[in-house]
């Protein structure tokens, strides 16, 4: 018998919430029949939408929350003012064991700050990192950090490499992932001190998979390595550049294929191939960045995505639960650092400083 996976959803997070959250959950429910959902949000807005999907409604629970986190709210204020928000209550459900994971398309900075406070970091991890898959010439790679940590030291990068490798195993099924540090060149002397120190540590310290060395921006699309490690500043810029390039390609293709009668005729014959290409570069396929290093599975959906993209983010969360991702990370951390157990809970008066985050949503 298949065990049900309970997923907490922030119904009010995202540019087009709660509509895309409900529709996305309905699509995800078709793909994952064992999924069950707890929606957190404004009942007056969410219930009428949920009523349109009887199958989803039958496998869901709606919990009213009076507040929602706005896109421009600072992380420190979200921690203090958002205790009754849909985002915070969804995270609480994971911390209290009611749900196996949480998905939100809301404010990235607020979600990271709240998740770090509510779920706590795994023993041996200093900072959580956002990781997601990116398309390459030969398949897919994992890249992190994508914006959670603007500044990182060498040990942070090493921890990202370790977590990214385990993420790659769980999501892509690659037994021995290759790991590369994103740099401005592949020569040994290139890059700042933190990157060079991290490279030295990764060459000497055994990590899951194998350390390839430095990779450049062009290596991301080539698929040179399975795991691309960088700080959140560079990672977020790289990710947005990839997304923008995909959109630019689509724009050029539309222009070219509608420029003349012969071009339109050619498109008719090539329609099948063009649809495959469109699907391959569609950013929605790769939507869903996980906050690695927390004592609970938390997935961040792009704030501007539609229901298809949100469903894919739910799929990422579901797969990570199914593959016991956090258990694998904890076991590897125990081997690497000799750490086990859980982090003591903080009281509400011991709020941590807001982490360094990029502005805007992923």
Protein backbone atom coordinates (compact mmCIF):
# COMPACT_ATOMS: atom_id res chain seq x y z
CA UNK A 1 0.00 0.00 0.00
CA UNK A 2 1.34 3.43 -0.96
CA UNK A 3 1.85 5.81 1.96
CA UNK A 4 0.15 9.18 1.60
CA UNK A 5 2.42 12.21 1.42
CA UNK A 6 0.96 15.25 3.17
CA UNK A 7 2.11 18.55 1.65
CA UNK A 8 1.54 21.96 3.27
CA UNK A 9 0.85 24.73 0.77
CA UNK A 10 1.06 28.49 1.26
CA UNK A 11 -2.08 29.32 -0.68
CA UNK A 12 -1.48 33.10 -0.52
CA UNK A 13 2.12 33.13 -1.77
CA UNK A 14 2.92 34.23 -5.32
CA UNK A 15 1.98 36.90 -7.83
CA UNK A 16 -1.22 35.11 -8.88
CA UNK A 17 -2.16 33.35 -5.67
CA UNK A 18 -4.35 31.67 -4.64
CA UNK A 19 -5.51 30.74 -8.15
CA UNK A 20 -2.30 29.15 -9.44
CA UNK A 21 -1.72 27.38 -6.12
CA UNK A 22 -5.07 25.59 -6.22
CA UNK A 23 -4.85 24.79 -9.95
CA UNK A 24 -1.25 23.67 -9.55
CA UNK A 25 -2.14 21.39 -6.65
CA UNK A 26 -4.94 19.87 -8.74
CA UNK A 27 -2.46 19.10 -11.52
CA UNK A 28 0.07 17.71 -9.04
CA UNK A 29 -2.67 15.51 -7.52
CA UNK A 30 -3.19 13.89 -10.93
CA UNK A 31 0.52 13.09 -11.15
CA UNK A 32 0.83 11.96 -7.53
CA UNK A 33 -2.38 10.19 -6.45
CA UNK A 34 -0.93 9.53 -2.99
CA UNK A 35 -0.50 13.27 -2.29
CA UNK A 36 -2.66 14.98 0.31
CA UNK A 37 -2.68 18.73 0.85
CA UNK A 38 -3.20 21.20 3.67
CA UNK A 39 -3.93 24.67 2.29
CA UNK A 40 -3.20 27.69 4.46
CA UNK A 41 -4.84 30.93 3.41
CA UNK A 42 -7.87 33.22 3.38
CA UNK A 43 -10.88 30.89 3.41
CA UNK A 44 -13.08 33.36 1.51
CA UNK A 45 -10.62 33.39 -1.38
CA UNK A 46 -9.43 29.79 -1.32
CA UNK A 47 -12.62 27.79 -0.72
CA UNK A 48 -14.50 28.88 -3.90
CA UNK A 49 -11.46 27.90 -5.97
CA UNK A 50 -11.04 24.59 -4.19
CA UNK A 51 -14.72 23.77 -4.78
CA UNK A 52 -13.99 23.67 -8.53
CA UNK A 53 -11.77 20.61 -8.09
CA UNK A 54 -13.80 17.87 -6.32
CA UNK A 55 -10.99 15.29 -6.47
CA UNK A 56 -8.50 17.73 -4.98
CA UNK A 57 -11.01 18.91 -2.39
CA UNK A 58 -11.60 15.34 -1.24
CA UNK A 59 -7.89 14.89 -0.54
CA UNK A 60 -7.30 18.30 1.04
CA UNK A 61 -7.84 20.33 4.17
CA UNK A 62 -8.23 24.11 4.27
CA UNK A 63 -7.06 26.08 7.29
CA UNK A 64 -7.94 29.74 7.49
CA UNK A 65 -5.14 32.21 8.18
CA UNK A 66 -5.89 35.90 8.71
CA UNK A 67 -2.58 37.21 7.35
CA UNK A 68 -0.37 36.85 4.27
CA UNK A 69 3.24 37.86 3.68
CA UNK A 70 3.56 40.57 1.05
CA UNK A 71 6.22 40.39 -1.66
CA UNK A 72 8.07 43.45 -0.36
CA UNK A 73 8.04 42.68 3.39
CA UNK A 74 11.53 42.52 4.90
CA UNK A 75 12.56 39.12 6.35
CA UNK A 76 13.07 40.55 9.86
CA UNK A 77 9.56 42.04 9.86
CA UNK A 78 8.08 38.83 8.44
CA UNK A 79 9.56 36.92 11.38
CA UNK A 80 8.00 39.26 13.91
CA UNK A 81 4.72 40.18 12.25
CA UNK A 82 3.87 37.05 10.29
CA UNK A 83 3.17 34.50 13.01
CA UNK A 84 -0.43 34.10 11.82
CA UNK A 85 0.39 34.24 8.12
CA UNK A 86 -0.25 31.47 5.60
CA UNK A 87 3.50 31.05 5.08
CA UNK A 88 4.32 30.69 8.77
CA UNK A 89 1.43 28.33 9.49
CA UNK A 90 2.42 26.10 6.57
CA UNK A 91 5.97 25.90 7.93
CA UNK A 92 4.63 25.15 11.41
CA UNK A 93 2.72 22.17 9.99
CA UNK A 94 6.03 20.62 8.87
CA UNK A 95 7.78 21.41 12.15
CA UNK A 96 4.91 19.84 14.10
CA UNK A 97 4.89 16.71 11.96
CA UNK A 98 1.48 17.30 10.35
CA UNK A 99 3.01 17.61 6.87
CA UNK A 100 6.07 16.05 5.25
CA UNK A 101 7.03 19.17 3.30
CA UNK A 102 5.98 22.72 2.44
CA UNK A 103 5.77 24.62 -0.86
CA UNK A 104 5.42 28.39 -1.23
CA UNK A 105 5.67 30.84 -4.11
CA UNK A 106 5.83 33.78 -1.70
CA UNK A 107 8.49 36.26 -0.65
CA UNK A 108 11.85 34.45 -0.92
CA UNK A 109 13.60 36.35 1.86
CA UNK A 110 10.71 35.93 4.28
CA UNK A 111 10.40 32.22 3.47
CA UNK A 112 14.10 31.60 4.07
CA UNK A 113 14.11 33.52 7.35
CA UNK A 114 10.96 31.81 8.61
CA UNK A 115 12.08 28.36 7.46
CA UNK A 116 15.43 28.74 9.18
CA UNK A 117 13.70 29.83 12.40
CA UNK A 118 10.88 27.27 12.38
CA UNK A 119 12.57 24.20 10.88
CA UNK A 120 16.15 24.90 12.09
CA UNK A 121 19.30 23.95 10.20
CA UNK A 122 20.67 20.44 10.19
CA UNK A 123 23.61 19.80 12.55
CA UNK A 124 26.82 20.64 10.69
CA UNK A 125 25.19 23.13 8.31
CA UNK A 126 25.86 26.83 8.87
CA UNK A 127 23.59 28.23 6.18
CA UNK A 128 20.79 26.73 4.09
CA UNK A 129 21.14 27.08 0.32
CA UNK A 130 18.62 27.19 -2.52
CA UNK A 131 19.14 24.50 -5.14
CA UNK A 132 17.34 23.71 -8.36
CA UNK A 133 17.81 21.88 -11.64
CA UNK A 134 18.91 23.62 -14.84
CA UNK A 135 18.72 22.25 -18.40
CA UNK A 136 21.95 21.33 -20.23
CA UNK A 137 22.96 19.92 -23.61
CA UNK A 138 23.14 16.41 -22.18
CA UNK A 139 20.32 16.48 -19.63
CA UNK A 140 20.09 18.39 -16.35
CA UNK A 141 22.40 19.67 -13.65
CA UNK A 142 21.87 20.93 -10.10
CA UNK A 143 22.94 24.47 -9.22
CA UNK A 144 23.23 26.13 -5.83
CA UNK A 145 23.12 28.61 -4.12
CA UNK A 146 20.51 30.52 -6.13
CA UNK A 147 20.09 33.57 -3.92
CA UNK A 148 19.83 32.71 -0.24
CA UNK A 149 23.41 33.71 0.68
CA UNK A 150 24.98 36.71 -1.02
CA UNK A 151 28.32 36.22 0.75
CA UNK A 152 29.81 32.80 1.48
CA UNK A 153 33.05 31.58 3.00
CA UNK A 154 34.96 28.49 1.85
CA UNK A 155 33.28 26.14 4.33
CA UNK A 156 29.83 27.31 3.19
CA UNK A 157 30.74 26.41 -0.39
CA UNK A 158 32.00 23.00 0.72
CA UNK A 159 28.72 22.36 2.55
CA UNK A 160 26.80 23.44 -0.56
CA UNK A 161 28.82 20.94 -2.60
CA UNK A 162 27.98 18.15 -0.19
CA UNK A 163 24.26 18.97 -0.10
CA UNK A 164 24.09 19.54 -3.86
CA UNK A 165 25.65 16.15 -4.53
CA UNK A 166 23.09 14.37 -2.35
CA UNK A 167 20.29 16.42 -3.95
CA UNK A 168 21.57 15.33 -7.37
CA UNK A 169 21.49 11.69 -6.30
CA UNK A 170 17.93 11.97 -4.99
CA UNK A 171 16.39 14.01 -7.82
CA UNK A 172 18.41 12.99 -10.90
CA UNK A 173 19.41 9.51 -9.78
CA UNK A 174 23.12 10.05 -10.54
CA UNK A 175 25.10 7.73 -8.28
CA UNK A 176 28.46 9.51 -8.49
CA UNK A 177 27.80 13.19 -9.34
CA UNK A 178 30.63 15.42 -10.52
CA UNK A 179 30.97 18.74 -8.65
CA UNK A 180 32.29 22.02 -10.02
CA UNK A 181 32.92 25.43 -8.45
CA UNK A 182 31.64 28.28 -10.62
CA UNK A 183 34.56 30.63 -11.27
CA UNK A 184 35.80 33.28 -13.70
CA UNK A 185 38.23 30.80 -15.22
CA UNK A 186 39.46 27.23 -14.91
CA UNK A 187 43.06 28.11 -14.03
CA UNK A 188 44.20 27.31 -10.50
CA UNK A 189 44.97 30.94 -9.59
CA UNK A 190 41.62 32.34 -10.79
CA UNK A 191 38.91 33.50 -8.39
CA UNK A 192 38.81 34.99 -4.91
CA UNK A 193 40.30 33.43 -1.79
CA UNK A 194 37.08 31.71 -0.68
CA UNK A 195 36.72 29.81 -3.95
CA UNK A 196 40.37 28.74 -4.02
CA UNK A 197 40.20 27.59 -0.39
CA UNK A 198 36.99 25.67 -1.06
CA UNK A 199 38.64 23.96 -4.03
CA UNK A 200 41.57 22.89 -1.85
CA UNK A 201 39.21 21.44 0.77
CA UNK A 202 37.12 19.59 -1.83
CA UNK A 203 40.25 18.01 -3.31
CA UNK A 204 41.34 16.75 0.09
CA UNK A 205 38.02 15.91 1.77
CA UNK A 206 35.96 12.99 0.46
CA UNK A 207 32.47 14.08 -0.58
CA UNK A 208 29.68 12.14 -2.30
CA UNK A 209 30.66 11.96 -5.96
CA UNK A 210 33.86 13.53 -7.31
CA UNK A 211 35.27 17.06 -7.46
CA UNK A 212 35.85 18.17 -11.05
CA UNK A 213 37.40 21.57 -10.33
CA UNK A 214 36.50 25.04 -11.58
CA UNK A 215 33.82 25.61 -14.20
CA UNK A 216 32.87 28.78 -16.09
CA UNK A 217 29.48 30.21 -16.97
CA UNK A 218 29.53 28.52 -20.38
CA UNK A 219 29.92 25.13 -18.68
CA UNK A 220 26.46 25.40 -17.12
CA UNK A 221 24.67 24.84 -20.44
CA UNK A 222 27.26 22.29 -21.60
CA UNK A 223 26.54 20.02 -18.65
CA UNK A 224 30.24 19.80 -17.83
CA UNK A 225 29.40 18.81 -14.23
CA UNK A 226 26.35 17.47 -12.45
CA UNK A 227 26.51 19.93 -9.53
CA UNK A 228 27.43 23.62 -9.94
CA UNK A 229 28.38 25.33 -6.67
CA UNK A 230 28.52 29.09 -6.18
CA UNK A 231 27.49 31.86 -3.79
CA UNK A 232 23.95 33.18 -3.91
CA UNK A 233 24.91 36.45 -5.61
CA UNK A 234 26.49 34.81 -8.64
CA UNK A 235 24.01 31.93 -8.64
CA UNK A 236 20.96 34.17 -8.79
CA UNK A 237 22.44 36.22 -11.62
CA UNK A 238 23.33 33.04 -13.53
CA UNK A 239 19.84 31.61 -13.05
CA UNK A 240 18.07 34.78 -14.18
CA UNK A 241 20.42 34.98 -17.17
CA UNK A 242 19.50 31.43 -18.18
CA UNK A 243 15.80 32.21 -17.83
CA UNK A 244 16.17 35.40 -19.85
CA UNK A 245 18.11 33.59 -22.57
CA UNK A 246 15.37 30.95 -22.85
CA UNK A 247 12.74 33.68 -23.21
CA UNK A 248 14.88 35.48 -25.79
CA UNK A 249 15.24 32.29 -27.83
CA UNK A 250 11.47 31.79 -27.79
CA UNK A 251 10.96 35.38 -28.90
CA UNK A 252 13.42 35.07 -31.79
CA UNK A 253 11.82 31.81 -32.87
CA UNK A 254 8.34 33.34 -32.95
CA UNK A 255 9.64 36.30 -34.94
CA UNK A 256 11.47 34.10 -37.43
CA UNK A 257 8.66 31.59 -37.94
CA UNK A 258 6.05 34.28 -38.57
CA UNK A 259 8.21 36.55 -40.74
CA UNK A 260 6.93 35.24 -44.10
CA UNK A 261 4.50 32.83 -45.71
CA UNK A 262 7.26 30.30 -46.41
CA UNK A 263 8.41 30.52 -42.78
CA UNK A 264 4.87 29.84 -41.57
CA UNK A 265 4.61 26.92 -43.99
CA UNK A 266 7.89 25.54 -42.71
CA UNK A 267 6.62 25.78 -39.15
CA UNK A 268 3.65 23.57 -40.02
CA UNK A 269 6.02 20.76 -41.03
CA UNK A 270 8.33 21.36 -38.06
CA UNK A 271 5.59 21.87 -35.48
CA UNK A 272 6.27 18.63 -33.62
CA UNK A 273 9.99 19.33 -33.30
CA UNK A 274 9.34 22.93 -32.27
CA UNK A 275 6.97 21.80 -29.52
CA UNK A 276 9.66 19.47 -28.18
CA UNK A 277 12.16 22.34 -28.16
CA UNK A 278 9.69 24.64 -26.43
CA UNK A 279 9.11 22.05 -23.73
CA UNK A 280 12.85 21.45 -23.28
CA UNK A 281 13.64 25.11 -22.55
CA UNK A 282 10.42 25.93 -20.67
CA UNK A 283 11.48 27.40 -17.27
CA UNK A 284 8.33 25.97 -15.69
CA UNK A 285 9.77 22.46 -16.03
CA UNK A 286 12.58 23.42 -13.67
CA UNK A 287 10.50 25.38 -11.20
CA UNK A 288 10.99 24.50 -7.56
CA UNK A 289 14.12 25.39 -5.59
CA UNK A 290 14.68 23.54 -2.35
CA UNK A 291 16.16 25.11 0.74
CA UNK A 292 18.87 22.56 1.45
CA UNK A 293 20.22 22.15 4.98
CA UNK A 294 17.00 22.49 6.97
CA UNK A 295 15.43 19.91 9.28
CA UNK A 296 12.41 19.78 7.02
CA UNK A 297 11.73 19.91 3.30
CA UNK A 298 10.85 23.40 2.07
CA UNK A 299 10.51 24.18 -1.64
CA UNK A 300 10.35 27.69 -3.11
CA UNK A 301 8.33 28.14 -6.28
CA UNK A 302 8.98 31.06 -8.61
CA UNK A 303 6.67 33.89 -7.58
CA UNK A 304 5.59 34.63 -11.15
CA UNK A 305 4.93 31.07 -12.31
CA UNK A 306 1.63 29.64 -13.47
CA UNK A 307 -0.17 26.50 -12.30
CA UNK A 308 2.05 24.22 -14.40
CA UNK A 309 5.20 25.61 -12.81
CA UNK A 310 3.70 25.40 -9.33
CA UNK A 311 2.72 21.77 -9.93
CA UNK A 312 6.34 21.03 -10.81
CA UNK A 313 7.48 22.65 -7.56
CA UNK A 314 5.06 20.40 -5.68
CA UNK A 315 6.54 17.48 -7.59
CA UNK A 316 10.04 18.38 -6.40
CA UNK A 317 8.87 18.40 -2.79
CA UNK A 318 7.03 15.11 -3.21
CA UNK A 319 10.06 13.38 -4.76
CA UNK A 320 12.41 14.59 -2.03
CA UNK A 321 10.11 13.14 0.61
CA UNK A 322 9.81 9.87 -1.33
CA UNK A 323 13.60 9.55 -1.56
CA UNK A 324 14.20 10.30 2.16
CA UNK A 325 16.37 13.22 1.15
CA UNK A 326 16.91 14.74 4.59
CA UNK A 327 17.81 11.35 6.05
CA UNK A 328 20.53 10.95 3.40
CA UNK A 329 21.91 14.43 4.12
CA UNK A 330 21.95 13.80 7.87
CA UNK A 331 23.83 10.52 7.42
CA UNK A 332 26.39 12.14 5.13
CA UNK A 333 26.89 15.03 7.55
CA UNK A 334 27.51 12.50 10.31
CA UNK A 335 30.23 10.92 8.18
CA UNK A 336 31.75 14.27 7.26
CA UNK A 337 31.55 16.15 10.54
CA UNK A 338 30.62 13.56 13.14
CA UNK A 339 27.38 15.38 13.99
CA UNK A 340 24.07 13.76 14.87
CA UNK A 341 20.90 14.77 16.64
CA UNK A 342 18.73 17.84 16.34
CA UNK A 343 19.20 21.53 16.95
CA UNK A 344 17.54 22.84 20.16
CA UNK A 345 14.46 24.92 19.49
CA UNK A 346 14.59 28.68 20.02
CA UNK A 347 11.95 30.55 21.94
CA UNK A 348 9.92 33.24 20.23
CA UNK A 349 12.00 35.88 22.02
CA UNK A 350 15.27 34.49 20.66
CA UNK A 351 14.68 35.48 17.08
CA UNK A 352 17.80 35.08 14.93
CA UNK A 353 19.18 37.85 12.77
CA UNK A 354 17.67 37.84 9.31
CA UNK A 355 19.99 36.01 6.89
CA UNK A 356 21.61 37.83 4.00
CA UNK A 357 19.23 37.42 1.11
CA UNK A 358 18.69 38.71 -2.36
CA UNK A 359 15.71 41.00 -2.93
CA UNK A 360 12.66 39.85 -4.80
CA UNK A 361 11.35 36.37 -5.41
CA UNK A 362 13.17 33.55 -7.07
